Amino acid sequence: MPNPRGFTARPTTDFAKESLFNILFNYFDFEGKEILDLFAGTGGISYEFASRGCARITAIEKDFKHFNYITTVVSKLKIEEVTPIKMDVFKYLEDNRALYNIIFADPPYALENLESIPDLIFEKELLKEQGMLVLEHPRDYDFSAHPRFILHKHYGSVNFSFFE
């Protein structure tokens, strides 16, 4: 489905998405895994996880147009594994009690407190044992000094930092 007019999400490029899932495939058997997709935008990452056999994908998106788009796609394509939630990501993280195998966060690159996301997720203990956080971010962020950092990959302007 094409993105509607006025859509402001910045979807992860196909090349970067393919590379991301190749990396994750080396760490995880996706079958039955539980995923949290933060700043879900178009929902593209959520659909990719669903297509790989993940059991439950929670897609958090605050923007009304983006949330409605995800809801429409999930309904039309009958993607039962994806549950979209319209909510501010930071509010969700504050209130959430579920645990996830993988948390993927693709915040707006201009987000003021982007660098706080890894600490917040680890403080809230939202990852299951051997779980992983993947943070997509612009190139001017360097998370390599973070105690949970394990890997950085970049594909053009798309950067992924991985944390365990």
Foldseek 3Di string as FASTA:
>chain_A
DDQDPPQDDDDDDPVVLVVVVVVVVVQDQLAQFEEEEEQCRQVVNVVVSLVSHHQAYEYEHADPSNLVNNVVVCVVVVSVRYDYDHDHRVVCLVPDDAAGQEYEYEDDQPDPPLVCVVVSCVVSVRYDVNHKYKYKYFPVDDCPPPPQWDDWDDDVRIIITMGD
